[in-house]
Amino acid sequence: MNEFALEQFREHPDWHLVLQAYHAQELEQPIGEDSEVDVSELWGVRLPKVEGVASDQLSRIHGQLIAHGLLSFQMKDGRSGVQYRVSVLGKQALDSARQVPDVVLKPAA
């Protein structure tokens, strides 16, 4: 795991809230039992708001999550706009936070 990205994640609890919201969005996508859809290929729309995060901070947080490799994005076509999903590194960061619950409680300096 990228230790610098994990340290940044630990220092910014709002990043955790945004990443967790995208992860929840991925888990909510309907997939039939007989579906051959690879869950790693699911993408979601940009979240316009995240509970606990100031709306005027969302763009900055998106940029930081993308820059640190925690959130991936793609432009599928001109109609769909930008789509997002939690990267492998982002999932590792979320798993790490679950294993050490206070990892996201460290206040930003």
Protein backbone atom coordinates (compact mmCIF):
# COMPACT_ATOMS: atom_id res chain seq x y z
CA MET A 1 0.00 0.00 0.00
CA ASN A 2 1.15 3.53 -0.67
CA GLU A 3 2.06 4.66 2.85
CA PHE A 4 1.97 8.36 1.97
CA ALA A 5 -1.58 8.06 0.61
CA LEU A 6 -2.62 6.12 3.71
CA GLU A 7 -1.10 8.77 6.00
CA GLN A 8 -2.92 11.53 4.11
CA PHE A 9 -6.14 9.51 4.40
CA ARG A 10 -5.62 9.21 8.14
CA GLU A 11 -5.11 12.95 8.52
CA HIS A 12 -8.27 13.93 6.63
CA PRO A 13 -11.44 12.43 8.11
CA ASP A 14 -13.52 14.15 5.43
CA TRP A 15 -11.70 12.07 2.80
CA HIS A 16 -12.90 8.95 4.57
CA LEU A 17 -16.51 10.17 4.49
CA VAL A 18 -16.36 10.85 0.75
CA LEU A 19 -14.59 7.59 -0.10
CA GLN A 20 -17.01 5.63 2.09
CA ALA A 21 -19.95 7.30 0.31
CA TYR A 22 -18.59 6.19 -3.08
CA HIS A 23 -18.01 2.69 -1.75
CA ALA A 24 -21.60 2.57 -0.47
CA GLN A 25 -22.82 3.75 -3.88
CA GLU A 26 -20.93 0.86 -5.51
CA LEU A 27 -22.46 -1.66 -3.10
CA GLU A 28 -25.97 -0.34 -3.81
CA GLN A 29 -25.77 -0.98 -7.55
CA PRO A 30 -28.17 -3.78 -8.49
CA ILE A 31 -26.50 -6.88 -9.83
CA GLY A 32 -28.54 -9.96 -10.60
CA GLU A 33 -27.37 -13.32 -9.31
CA ASP A 34 -26.89 -14.59 -12.85
CA SER A 35 -25.15 -11.42 -13.97
CA GLU A 36 -21.72 -11.68 -15.52
CA VAL A 37 -20.92 -8.11 -14.52
CA ASP A 38 -17.54 -7.82 -12.85
CA VAL A 39 -18.08 -5.74 -9.69
CA SER A 40 -14.67 -4.16 -10.21
CA GLU A 41 -16.08 -2.60 -13.39
CA LEU A 42 -18.96 -0.76 -11.70
CA TRP A 43 -18.83 3.02 -11.89
CA GLY A 44 -21.07 5.59 -10.23
CA VAL A 45 -22.09 9.18 -10.75
CA ARG A 46 -20.44 12.04 -8.92
CA LEU A 47 -21.99 12.54 -5.51
CA PRO A 48 -23.38 16.08 -5.21
CA LYS A 49 -23.23 15.97 -1.42
CA VAL A 50 -21.86 13.78 1.35
CA GLU A 51 -23.21 13.91 4.89
CA GLY A 52 -20.65 15.45 7.23
CA VAL A 53 -18.70 17.20 4.46
CA ALA A 54 -19.15 20.84 3.51
CA SER A 55 -20.40 21.11 -0.08
CA ASP A 56 -17.78 23.72 -0.93
CA GLN A 57 -15.05 21.20 -0.01
CA LEU A 58 -16.21 18.33 -2.23
CA SER A 59 -14.35 19.37 -5.38
CA ARG A 60 -11.09 19.76 -3.45
CA ILE A 61 -11.57 16.39 -1.76
CA HIS A 62 -12.34 14.70 -5.07
CA GLY A 63 -9.12 16.12 -6.46
CA GLN A 64 -7.08 14.93 -3.49
CA LEU A 65 -8.58 11.44 -3.55
CA ILE A 66 -7.88 11.15 -7.27
CA ALA A 67 -4.35 12.60 -6.93
CA HIS A 68 -3.48 10.08 -4.19
CA GLY A 69 -4.92 7.17 -6.16
CA LEU A 70 -7.80 6.50 -3.77
CA LEU A 71 -10.60 7.35 -6.21
CA SER A 72 -10.66 6.54 -9.93
CA PHE A 73 -12.64 8.33 -12.60
CA GLN A 74 -13.52 7.85 -16.25
CA MET A 75 -15.39 9.68 -18.96
CA LYS A 76 -17.40 6.88 -20.55
CA ASP A 77 -19.21 8.95 -23.16
CA GLY A 78 -20.44 12.48 -23.68
CA ARG A 79 -23.86 11.78 -22.17
CA SER A 80 -22.84 10.03 -18.95
CA GLY A 81 -20.34 12.61 -17.79
CA VAL A 82 -17.58 11.70 -15.37
CA GLN A 83 -18.01 8.47 -13.44
CA TYR A 84 -16.21 7.42 -10.26
CA ARG A 85 -15.28 4.35 -8.27
CA VAL A 86 -13.10 3.56 -5.29
CA SER A 87 -9.70 2.31 -6.47
CA VAL A 88 -7.94 -0.78 -5.14
CA LEU A 89 -5.78 1.52 -3.00
CA GLY A 90 -8.92 3.31 -1.78
CA LYS A 91 -10.47 0.00 -0.76
CA GLN A 92 -7.27 -0.88 1.09
CA ALA A 93 -7.44 2.45 2.92
CA LEU A 94 -11.08 1.83 3.89
CA ASP A 95 -10.19 -1.69 5.07
CA SER A 96 -7.29 -0.28 7.08
CA ALA A 97 -9.62 2.25 8.69
CA ARG A 98 -12.02 -0.54 9.66
CA GLN A 99 -9.19 -2.51 11.28
CA VAL A 100 -8.04 0.51 13.26
CA PRO A 101 -11.27 2.43 13.98
CA ASP A 102 -9.60 5.60 15.23
CA VAL A 103 -7.54 5.91 12.07
CA VAL A 104 -9.98 8.49 10.69
CA LEU A 105 -10.44 10.35 13.94
CA LYS A 106 -7.05 12.04 13.83
CA PRO A 107 -7.78 15.77 13.52
CA ALA A 108 -6.26 17.64 10.60
CA ALA A 109 -3.34 19.80 11.63
